[in-house]
Amino acid sequence: AEAYRTLRTNLTFAGLDHPIETLVVTSPAPGEGKSI
């Protein structure tokens, strides 16, 4: 859970120049946990 909060923070910093307000979550192949 802490890792997901870190991810949230990292996405905020990644969007300093271009804010990330719409984001697609995907994976290379099936069964890699993208939906979770």
Full PDB file with SEQRES, HELIX, SHEET, SSBOND, CRYST1, ORIGX, SCALE, CONECT and MASTER records, all heavy atoms in Angstrom:
SEQRES   1 A   36  ALA GLU ALA TYR ARG THR LEU ARG THR ASN LEU THR PHE          
SEQRES   2 A   36  ALA GLY LEU ASP HIS PRO ILE GLU THR LEU VAL VAL THR          
SEQRES   3 A   36  SER PRO ALA PRO GLY GLU GLY LYS SER ILE                      
HELIX    1 AA1 GLU A    2  ALA A   14  1                                  13    
CRYST1    1.000    1.000    1.000  90.00  90.00  90.00 P 1           1          
ORIGX1      1.000000  0.000000  0.000000        0.00000                         
ORIGX2      0.000000  1.000000  0.000000        0.00000                         
ORIGX3      0.000000  0.000000  1.000000        0.00000                         
SCALE1      1.000000  0.000000  0.000000        0.00000                         
SCALE2      0.000000  1.000000  0.000000        0.00000                         
SCALE3      0.000000  0.000000  1.000000        0.00000                         
ATOM      1  N   ALA A   1       0.838  -1.201   0.000  1.00  0.00           N  
ATOM      2  CA  ALA A   1       0.000   0.000   0.000  1.00  0.00           C  
ATOM      3  C   ALA A   1       0.873   1.251   0.000  1.00  0.00           C  
ATOM      4  O   ALA A   1       0.569   2.245  -0.675  1.00  0.00           O  
ATOM      5  CB  ALA A   1      -0.934  -0.003   1.203  1.00  0.00           C  
ATOM      6  N   GLU A   2       1.960   1.209   0.756  1.00  0.00           N  
ATOM      7  CA  GLU A   2       2.885   2.347   0.773  1.00  0.00           C  
ATOM      8  C   GLU A   2       3.511   2.555  -0.601  1.00  0.00           C  
ATOM      9  O   GLU A   2       3.739   3.694  -1.035  1.00  0.00           O  
ATOM     10  CB  GLU A   2       3.981   2.110   1.822  1.00  0.00           C  
ATOM     11  CG  GLU A   2       5.020   3.213   1.905  1.00  0.00           C  
ATOM     12  CD  GLU A   2       4.413   4.562   2.267  1.00  0.00           C  
ATOM     13  OE1 GLU A   2       3.424   4.603   3.018  1.00  0.00           O  
ATOM     14  OE2 GLU A   2       4.952   5.586   1.800  1.00  0.00           O  
ATOM     15  N   ALA A   3       3.766   1.456  -1.309  1.00  0.00           N  
ATOM     16  CA  ALA A   3       4.332   1.561  -2.649  1.00  0.00           C  
ATOM     17  C   ALA A   3       3.375   2.279  -3.599  1.00  0.00           C  
ATOM     18  O   ALA A   3       3.803   3.067  -4.455  1.00  0.00           O  
ATOM     19  CB  ALA A   3       4.667   0.172  -3.188  1.00  0.00           C  
ATOM     20  N   TYR A   4       2.074   2.028  -3.443  1.00  0.00           N  
ATOM     21  CA  TYR A   4       1.098   2.737  -4.285  1.00  0.00           C  
ATOM     22  C   TYR A   4       1.060   4.225  -3.944  1.00  0.00           C  
ATOM     23  O   TYR A   4       0.890   5.065  -4.830  1.00  0.00           O  
ATOM     24  CB  TYR A   4      -0.292   2.116  -4.134  1.00  0.00           C  
ATOM     25  CG  TYR A   4      -0.471   0.864  -4.954  1.00  0.00           C  
ATOM     26  CD1 TYR A   4      -0.534  -0.386  -4.352  1.00  0.00           C  
ATOM     27  CD2 TYR A   4      -0.563   0.936  -6.346  1.00  0.00           C  
ATOM     28  CE1 TYR A   4      -0.686  -1.542  -5.113  1.00  0.00           C  
ATOM     29  CE2 TYR A   4      -0.707  -0.218  -7.103  1.00  0.00           C  
ATOM     30  CZ  TYR A   4      -0.770  -1.452  -6.488  1.00  0.00           C  
ATOM     31  OH  TYR A   4      -0.903  -2.588  -7.243  1.00  0.00           O  
ATOM     32  N   ARG A   5       1.246   4.560  -2.672  1.00  0.00           N  
ATOM     33  CA  ARG A   5       1.295   5.981  -2.322  1.00  0.00           C  
ATOM     34  C   ARG A   5       2.546   6.635  -2.900  1.00  0.00           C  
ATOM     35  O   ARG A   5       2.512   7.790  -3.342  1.00  0.00           O  
ATOM     36  CB  ARG A   5       1.238   6.134  -0.796  1.00  0.00           C  
ATOM     37  CG  ARG A   5      -0.132   5.809  -0.209  1.00  0.00           C  
ATOM     38  CD  ARG A   5      -0.236   6.190   1.249  1.00  0.00           C  
ATOM     39  NE  ARG A   5       0.500   5.283   2.105  1.00  0.00           N  
ATOM     40  CZ  ARG A   5      -0.019   4.162   2.618  1.00  0.00           C  
ATOM     41  NH1 ARG A   5      -1.275   3.811   2.344  1.00  0.00           N  
ATOM     42  NH2 ARG A   5       0.701   3.385   3.408  1.00  0.00           N  
ATOM     43  N   THR A   6       3.637   5.896  -2.921  1.00  0.00           N  
ATOM     44  CA  THR A   6       4.859   6.408  -3.549  1.00  0.00           C  
ATOM     45  C   THR A   6       4.645   6.599  -5.043  1.00  0.00           C  
ATOM     46  O   THR A   6       5.099   7.592  -5.626  1.00  0.00           O  
ATOM     47  CB  THR A   6       6.028   5.432  -3.304  1.00  0.00           C  
ATOM     48  OG1 THR A   6       6.242   5.295  -1.901  1.00  0.00           O  
ATOM     49  CG2 THR A   6       7.307   5.943  -3.961  1.00  0.00           C  
ATOM     50  N   LEU A   7       3.940   5.663  -5.662  1.00  0.00           N  
ATOM     51  CA  LEU A   7       3.630   5.783  -7.086  1.00  0.00           C  
ATOM     52  C   LEU A   7       2.803   7.035  -7.348  1.00  0.00           C  
ATOM     53  O   LEU A   7       3.054   7.775  -8.309  1.00  0.00           O  
ATOM     54  CB  LEU A   7       2.877   4.541  -7.558  1.00  0.00           C  
ATOM     55  CG  LEU A   7       2.347   4.563  -8.997  1.00  0.00           C  
ATOM     56  CD1 LEU A   7       3.479   4.733  -9.995  1.00  0.00           C  
ATOM     57  CD2 LEU A   7       1.567   3.280  -9.285  1.00  0.00           C  
ATOM     58  N   ARG A   8       1.823   7.296  -6.488  1.00  0.00           N  
ATOM     59  CA  ARG A   8       1.010   8.501  -6.622  1.00  0.00           C  
ATOM     60  C   ARG A   8       1.887   9.752  -6.581  1.00  0.00           C  
ATOM     61  O   ARG A   8       1.738  10.664  -7.402  1.00  0.00           O  
ATOM     62  CB  ARG A   8      -0.026   8.545  -5.492  1.00  0.00           C  
ATOM     63  CG  ARG A   8      -0.918   9.797  -5.492  1.00  0.00           C  
ATOM     64  CD  ARG A   8      -1.828   9.806  -4.276  1.00  0.00           C  
ATOM     65  NE  ARG A   8      -1.064   9.901  -3.034  1.00  0.00           N  
ATOM     66  CZ  ARG A   8      -1.552   9.621  -1.832  1.00  0.00           C  
ATOM     67  NH1 ARG A   8      -2.807   9.200  -1.710  1.00  0.00           N  
ATOM     68  NH2 ARG A   8      -0.801   9.726  -0.749  1.00  0.00           N  
ATOM     69  N   THR A   9       2.827   9.774  -5.661  1.00  0.00           N  
ATOM     70  CA  THR A   9       3.740  10.917  -5.545  1.00  0.00           C  
ATOM     71  C   THR A   9       4.623  11.038  -6.780  1.00  0.00           C  
ATOM     72  O   THR A   9       4.827  12.139  -7.312  1.00  0.00           O  
ATOM     73  CB  THR A   9       4.624  10.767  -4.290  1.00  0.00           C  
ATOM     74  OG1 THR A   9       3.790  10.687  -3.138  1.00  0.00           O  
ATOM     75  CG2 THR A   9       5.566  11.951  -4.153  1.00  0.00           C  
ATOM     76  N   ASN A  10       5.141   9.911  -7.244  1.00  0.00           N  
ATOM     77  CA  ASN A  10       6.010   9.932  -8.429  1.00  0.00           C  
ATOM     78  C   ASN A  10       5.272  10.443  -9.657  1.00  0.00           C  
ATOM     79  O   ASN A  10       5.849  11.167 -10.484  1.00  0.00           O  
ATOM     80  CB  ASN A  10       6.578   8.539  -8.691  1.00  0.00           C  
ATOM     81  CG  ASN A  10       7.584   8.116  -7.642  1.00  0.00           C  
ATOM     82  OD1 ASN A  10       8.068   8.943  -6.864  1.00  0.00           O  
ATOM     83  ND2 ASN A  10       7.897   6.834  -7.603  1.00  0.00           N  
ATOM     84  N   LEU A  11       4.005  10.071  -9.794  1.00  0.00           N  
ATOM     85  CA  LEU A  11       3.218  10.551 -10.929  1.00  0.00           C  
ATOM     86  C   LEU A  11       3.004  12.061 -10.842  1.00  0.00           C  
ATOM     87  O   LEU A  11       2.988  12.755 -11.854  1.00  0.00           O  
ATOM     88  CB  LEU A  11       1.873   9.831 -10.982  1.00  0.00           C  
ATOM     89  CG  LEU A  11       1.926   8.368 -11.426  1.00  0.00           C  
ATOM     90  CD1 LEU A  11       0.570   7.698 -11.219  1.00  0.00           C  
ATOM     91  CD2 LEU A  11       2.340   8.264 -12.896  1.00  0.00           C  
ATOM     92  N   THR A  12       2.876  12.555  -9.628  1.00  0.00           N  
ATOM     93  CA  THR A  12       2.729  13.999  -9.445  1.00  0.00           C  
ATOM     94  C   THR A  12       3.984  14.719  -9.921  1.00  0.00           C  
ATOM     95  O   THR A  12       3.916  15.717 -10.644  1.00  0.00           O  
ATOM     96  CB  THR A  12       2.470  14.336  -7.966  1.00  0.00           C  
ATOM     97  OG1 THR A  12       1.264  13.693  -7.547  1.00  0.00           O  
ATOM     98  CG2 THR A  12       2.329  15.841  -7.770  1.00  0.00           C  
ATOM     99  N   PHE A  13       5.144  14.211  -9.542  1.00  0.00           N  
ATOM    100  CA  PHE A  13       6.393  14.836  -9.960  1.00  0.00           C  
ATOM    101  C   PHE A  13       6.646  14.647 -11.460  1.00  0.00           C  
ATOM    102  O   PHE A  13       7.211  15.522 -12.114  1.00  0.00           O  
ATOM    103  CB  PHE A  13       7.566  14.278  -9.153  1.00  0.00           C  
ATOM    104  CG  PHE A  13       7.697  14.886  -7.789  1.00  0.00           C  
ATOM    105  CD1 PHE A  13       7.312  14.176  -6.664  1.00  0.00           C  
ATOM    106  CD2 PHE A  13       8.175  16.174  -7.624  1.00  0.00           C  
ATOM    107  CE1 PHE A  13       7.415  14.736  -5.399  1.00  0.00           C  
ATOM    108  CE2 PHE A  13       8.282  16.751  -6.368  1.00  0.00           C  
ATOM    109  CZ  PHE A  13       7.907  16.028  -5.246  1.00  0.00           C  
ATOM    110  N   ALA A  14       6.197  13.513 -12.002  1.00  0.00           N  
ATOM    111  CA  ALA A  14       6.377  13.277 -13.441  1.00  0.00           C  
ATOM    112  C   ALA A  14       5.551  14.247 -14.264  1.00  0.00           C  
ATOM    113  O   ALA A  14       5.834  14.466 -15.444  1.00  0.00           O  
ATOM    114  CB  ALA A  14       5.999  11.838 -13.788  1.00  0.00           C  
ATOM    115  N   GLY A  15       4.519  14.828 -13.649  1.00  0.00           N  
ATOM    116  CA  GLY A  15       3.634  15.729 -14.373  1.00  0.00           C  
ATOM    117  C   GLY A  15       3.841  17.195 -14.049  1.00  0.00           C  
ATOM    118  O   GLY A  15       2.930  18.001 -14.253  1.00  0.00           O  
ATOM    119  N   LEU A  16       5.024  17.561 -13.550  1.00  0.00           N  
ATOM    120  CA  LEU A  16       5.260  18.959 -13.197  1.00  0.00           C  
ATOM    121  C   LEU A  16       5.154  19.871 -14.416  1.00  0.00           C  
ATOM    122  O   LEU A  16       4.563  20.948 -14.357  1.00  0.00           O  
ATOM    123  CB  LEU A  16       6.630  19.109 -12.525  1.00  0.00           C  
ATOM    124  CG  LEU A  16       6.745  18.564 -11.089  1.00  0.00           C  
ATOM    125  CD1 LEU A  16       8.151  18.777 -10.549  1.00  0.00           C  
ATOM    126  CD2 LEU A  16       5.723  19.230 -10.178  1.00  0.00           C  
ATOM    127  N   ASP A  17       5.763  19.466 -15.525  1.00  0.00           N  
ATOM    128  CA  ASP A  17       5.712  20.289 -16.737  1.00  0.00           C  
ATOM    129  C   ASP A  17       4.413  20.081 -17.500  1.00  0.00           C  
ATOM    130  O   ASP A  17       3.860  21.024 -18.070  1.00  0.00           O  
ATOM    131  CB  ASP A  17       6.907  19.972 -17.647  1.00  0.00           C  
ATOM    132  CG  ASP A  17       8.227  20.425 -17.031  1.00  0.00           C  
ATOM    133  OD1 ASP A  17       8.206  21.409 -16.264  1.00  0.00           O  
ATOM    134  OD2 ASP A  17       9.261  19.784 -17.304  1.00  0.00           O  
ATOM    135  N   HIS A  18       3.952  18.825 -17.539  1.00  0.00           N  
ATOM    136  CA  HIS A  18       2.716  18.492 -18.236  1.00  0.00           C  
ATOM    137  C   HIS A  18       1.854  17.664 -17.283  1.00  0.00           C  
ATOM    138  O   HIS A  18       2.013  16.445 -17.205  1.00  0.00           O  
ATOM    139  CB  HIS A  18       2.999  17.705 -19.518  1.00  0.00           C  
ATOM    140  CG  HIS A  18       3.926  18.409 -20.463  1.00  0.00           C  
ATOM    141  ND1 HIS A  18       3.528  19.453 -21.251  1.00  0.00           N  
ATOM    142  CD2 HIS A  18       5.251  18.220 -20.723  1.00  0.00           C  
ATOM    143  CE1 HIS A  18       4.541  19.881 -21.975  1.00  0.00           C  
ATOM    144  NE2 HIS A  18       5.606  19.152 -21.667  1.00  0.00           N  
ATOM    145  N   PRO A  19       0.962  18.297 -16.523  1.00  0.00           N  
ATOM    146  CA  PRO A  19       0.169  17.591 -15.512  1.00  0.00           C  
ATOM    147  C   PRO A  19      -0.542  16.358 -16.069  1.00  0.00           C  
ATOM    148  O   PRO A  19      -1.084  16.383 -17.177  1.00  0.00           O  
ATOM    149  CB  PRO A  19      -0.846  18.656 -15.068  1.00  0.00           C  
ATOM    150  CG  PRO A  19      -0.167  19.950 -15.332  1.00  0.00           C  
ATOM    151  CD  PRO A  19       0.644  19.729 -16.585  1.00  0.00           C  
ATOM    152  N   ILE A  20      -0.503  15.285 -15.291  1.00  0.00           N  
ATOM    153  CA  ILE A  20      -1.138  14.032 -15.690  1.00  0.00           C  
ATOM    154  C   ILE A  20      -2.526  13.984 -15.078  1.00  0.00           C  
ATOM    155  O   ILE A  20      -2.679  13.738 -13.885  1.00  0.00           O  
ATOM    156  CB  ILE A  20      -0.297  12.830 -15.246  1.00  0.00           C  
ATOM    157  CG1 ILE A  20       1.080  12.888 -15.889  1.00  0.00           C  
ATOM    158  CG2 ILE A  20      -1.005  11.522 -15.605  1.00  0.00           C  
ATOM    159  CD1 ILE A  20       2.060  11.862 -15.333  1.00  0.00           C  
ATOM    160  N   GLU A  21      -3.525  14.248 -15.896  1.00  0.00           N  
ATOM    161  CA  GLU A  21      -4.911  14.237 -15.438  1.00  0.00           C  
ATOM    162  C   GLU A  21      -5.699  13.081 -16.046  1.00  0.00           C  
ATOM    163  O   GLU A  21      -6.772  12.741 -15.562  1.00  0.00           O  
ATOM    164  CB  GLU A  21      -5.573  15.573 -15.773  1.00  0.00           C  
ATOM    165  CG  GLU A  21      -4.894  16.764 -15.084  1.00  0.00           C  
ATOM    166  CD  GLU A  21      -5.427  18.091 -15.542  1.00  0.00           C  
ATOM    167  OE1 GLU A  21      -6.037  18.142 -16.639  1.00  0.00           O  
ATOM    168  OE2 GLU A  21      -5.237  19.088 -14.823  1.00  0.00           O  
ATOM    169  N   THR A  22      -5.182  12.514 -17.123  1.00  0.00           N  
ATOM    170  CA  THR A  22      -5.797  11.346 -17.753  1.00  0.00           C  
ATOM    171  C   THR A  22      -4.683  10.336 -18.025  1.00  0.00           C  
ATOM    172  O   THR A  22      -3.702  10.652 -18.690  1.00  0.00           O  
ATOM    173  CB  THR A  22      -6.507  11.728 -19.069  1.00  0.00           C  
ATOM    174  OG1 THR A  22      -5.592  12.446 -19.922  1.00  0.00           O  
ATOM    175  CG2 THR A  22      -7.713  12.612 -18.804  1.00  0.00           C  
ATOM    176  N   LEU A  23      -4.825   9.132 -17.504  1.00  0.00           N  
ATOM    177  CA  LEU A  23      -3.732   8.156 -17.553  1.00  0.00           C  
ATOM    178  C   LEU A  23      -4.262   6.769 -17.905  1.00  0.00           C  
ATOM    179  O   LEU A  23      -5.235   6.299 -17.312  1.00  0.00           O  
ATOM    180  CB  LEU A  23      -3.031   8.105 -16.191  1.00  0.00           C  
ATOM    181  CG  LEU A  23      -1.838   7.150 -16.038  1.00  0.00           C  
ATOM    182  CD1 LEU A  23      -0.646   7.656 -16.842  1.00  0.00           C  
ATOM    183  CD2 LEU A  23      -1.460   7.018 -14.561  1.00  0.00           C  
ATOM    184  N   VAL A  24      -3.612   6.122 -18.856  1.00  0.00           N  
ATOM    185  CA  VAL A  24      -3.920   4.736 -19.209  1.00  0.00           C  
ATOM    186  C   VAL A  24      -2.964   3.813 -18.463  1.00  0.00           C  
ATOM    187  O   VAL A  24      -1.752   4.053 -18.426  1.00  0.00           O  
ATOM    188  CB  VAL A  24      -3.774   4.506 -20.727  1.00  0.00           C  
ATOM    189  CG1 VAL A  24      -3.746   3.011 -21.053  1.00  0.00           C  
ATOM    190  CG2 VAL A  24      -4.924   5.163 -21.472  1.00  0.00           C  
ATOM    191  N   VAL A  25      -3.501   2.765 -17.848  1.00  0.00           N  
ATOM    192  CA  VAL A  25      -2.699   1.734 -17.198  1.00  0.00           C  
ATOM    193  C   VAL A  25      -2.818   0.468 -18.032  1.00  0.00           C  
ATOM    194  O   VAL A  25      -3.923  -0.011 -18.296  1.00  0.00           O  
ATOM    195  CB  VAL A  25      -3.180   1.470 -15.758  1.00  0.00           C  
ATOM    196  CG1 VAL A  25      -2.323   0.387 -15.098  1.00  0.00           C  
ATOM    197  CG2 VAL A  25      -3.131   2.754 -14.933  1.00  0.00           C  
ATOM    198  N   THR A  26      -1.676  -0.061 -18.458  1.00  0.00           N  
ATOM    199  CA  THR A  26      -1.693  -1.248 -19.309  1.00  0.00           C  
ATOM    200  C   THR A  26      -0.476  -2.106 -18.990  1.00  0.00           C  
ATOM    201  O   THR A  26       0.276  -1.811 -18.053  1.00  0.00           O  
ATOM    202  CB  THR A  26      -1.719  -0.858 -20.802  1.00  0.00           C  
ATOM    203  OG1 THR A  26      -1.855  -2.047 -21.600  1.00  0.00           O  
ATOM    204  CG2 THR A  26      -0.472  -0.113 -21.219  1.00  0.00           C  
ATOM    205  N   SER A  27      -0.280  -3.157 -19.743  1.00  0.00           N  
ATOM    206  CA  SER A  27       0.851  -4.065 -19.533  1.00  0.00           C  
ATOM    207  C   SER A  27       1.290  -4.605 -20.887  1.00  0.00           C  
ATOM    208  O   SER A  27       0.557  -4.509 -21.874  1.00  0.00           O  
ATOM    209  CB  SER A  27       0.446  -5.215 -18.607  1.00  0.00           C  
ATOM    210  OG  SER A  27      -0.616  -5.962 -19.185  1.00  0.00           O  
ATOM    211  N   PRO A  28       2.492  -5.175 -20.965  1.00  0.00           N  
ATOM    212  CA  PRO A  28       2.924  -5.754 -22.242  1.00  0.00           C  
ATOM    213  C   PRO A  28       2.052  -6.929 -22.684  1.00  0.00           C  
ATOM    214  O   PRO A  28       1.643  -7.014 -23.842  1.00  0.00           O  
ATOM    215  CB  PRO A  28       4.358  -6.212 -21.958  1.00  0.00           C  
ATOM    216  CG  PRO A  28       4.815  -5.337 -20.834  1.00  0.00           C  
ATOM    217  CD  PRO A  28       3.584  -5.152 -19.974  1.00  0.00           C  
ATOM    218  N   ALA A  29       1.761  -7.840 -21.757  1.00  0.00           N  
ATOM    219  CA  ALA A  29       1.024  -9.069 -22.093  1.00  0.00           C  
ATOM    220  C   ALA A  29      -0.027  -9.336 -21.012  1.00  0.00           C  
ATOM    221  O   ALA A  29      -0.033  -8.700 -19.964  1.00  0.00           O  
ATOM    222  CB  ALA A  29       2.003 -10.241 -22.201  1.00  0.00           C  
ATOM    223  N   PRO A  30      -0.931 -10.290 -21.261  1.00  0.00           N  
ATOM    224  CA  PRO A  30      -1.959 -10.611 -20.256  1.00  0.00           C  
ATOM    225  C   PRO A  30      -1.366 -11.206 -18.984  1.00  0.00           C  
ATOM    226  O   PRO A  30      -0.260 -11.753 -18.993  1.00  0.00           O  
ATOM    227  CB  PRO A  30      -2.841 -11.643 -20.988  1.00  0.00           C  
ATOM    228  CG  PRO A  30      -2.568 -11.433 -22.440  1.00  0.00           C  
ATOM    229  CD  PRO A  30      -1.136 -11.026 -22.529  1.00  0.00           C  
ATOM    230  N   GLY A  31      -2.114 -11.089 -17.891  1.00  0.00           N  
ATOM    231  CA  GLY A  31      -1.745 -11.755 -16.655  1.00  0.00           C  
ATOM    232  C   GLY A  31      -0.631 -11.099 -15.866  1.00  0.00           C  
ATOM    233  O   GLY A  31       0.026 -11.774 -15.053  1.00  0.00           O  
ATOM    234  N   GLU A  32      -0.417  -9.802 -16.063  1.00  0.00           N  
ATOM    235  CA  GLU A  32       0.684  -9.126 -15.377  1.00  0.00           C  
ATOM    236  C   GLU A  32       0.209  -8.147 -14.294  1.00  0.00           C  
ATOM    237  O   GLU A  32       0.993  -7.380 -13.756  1.00  0.00           O  
ATOM    238  CB  GLU A  32       1.569  -8.420 -16.406  1.00  0.00           C  
ATOM    239  CG  GLU A  32       2.290  -9.424 -17.289  1.00  0.00           C  
ATOM    240  CD  GLU A  32       2.971  -8.822 -18.509  1.00  0.00           C  
ATOM    241  OE1 GLU A  32       2.525  -7.764 -18.981  1.00  0.00           O  
ATOM    242  OE2 GLU A  32       3.942  -9.433 -19.001  1.00  0.00           O  
ATOM    243  N   GLY A  33      -1.091  -8.184 -13.987  1.00  0.00           N  
ATOM    244  CA  GLY A  33      -1.599  -7.436 -12.852  1.00  0.00           C  
ATOM    245  C   GLY A  33      -1.970  -5.996 -13.109  1.00  0.00           C  
ATOM    246  O   GLY A  33      -2.107  -5.208 -12.177  1.00  0.00           O  
ATOM    247  N   LYS A  34      -2.225  -5.649 -14.375  1.00  0.00           N  
ATOM    248  CA  LYS A  34      -2.518  -4.243 -14.697  1.00  0.00           C  
ATOM    249  C   LYS A  34      -3.821  -3.769 -14.056  1.00  0.00           C  
ATOM    250  O   LYS A  34      -3.894  -2.632 -13.560  1.00  0.00           O  
ATOM    251  CB  LYS A  34      -2.589  -4.044 -16.210  1.00  0.00           C  
ATOM    252  CG  LYS A  34      -3.752  -4.776 -16.877  1.00  0.00           C  
ATOM    253  CD  LYS A  34      -3.874  -4.495 -18.346  1.00  0.00           C  
ATOM    254  CE  LYS A  34      -5.057  -5.247 -18.950  1.00  0.00           C  
ATOM    255  NZ  LYS A  34      -6.363  -4.852 -18.393  1.00  0.00           N  
ATOM    256  N   SER A  35      -4.850  -4.595 -14.050  1.00  0.00           N  
ATOM    257  CA  SER A  35      -6.148  -4.176 -13.515  1.00  0.00           C  
ATOM    258  C   SER A  35      -6.093  -3.986 -12.006  1.00  0.00           C  
ATOM    259  O   SER A  35      -6.663  -3.030 -11.467  1.00  0.00           O  
ATOM    260  CB  SER A  35      -7.235  -5.188 -13.882  1.00  0.00           C  
ATOM    261  OG  SER A  35      -7.369  -5.290 -15.284  1.00  0.00           O  
ATOM    262  N   ILE A  36      -5.402  -4.881 -11.310  1.00  0.00           N  
ATOM    263  CA  ILE A  36      -5.253  -4.734  -9.865  1.00  0.00           C  
ATOM    264  C   ILE A  36      -4.437  -3.493  -9.548  1.00  0.00           C  
ATOM    265  O   ILE A  36      -4.745  -2.740  -8.624  1.00  0.00           O  
ATOM    266  CB  ILE A  36      -4.595  -5.995  -9.272  1.00  0.00           C  
ATOM    267  CG1 ILE A  36      -5.522  -7.197  -9.439  1.00  0.00           C  
ATOM    268  CG2 ILE A  36      -4.254  -5.787  -7.803  1.00  0.00           C  
ATOM    269  CD1 ILE A  36      -4.903  -8.512  -9.028  1.00  0.00           C  
TER     270      ILE A  36                                                      
MASTER        0    0    0    1    0    0    0    6  269    1    0    3          
END                                                                             
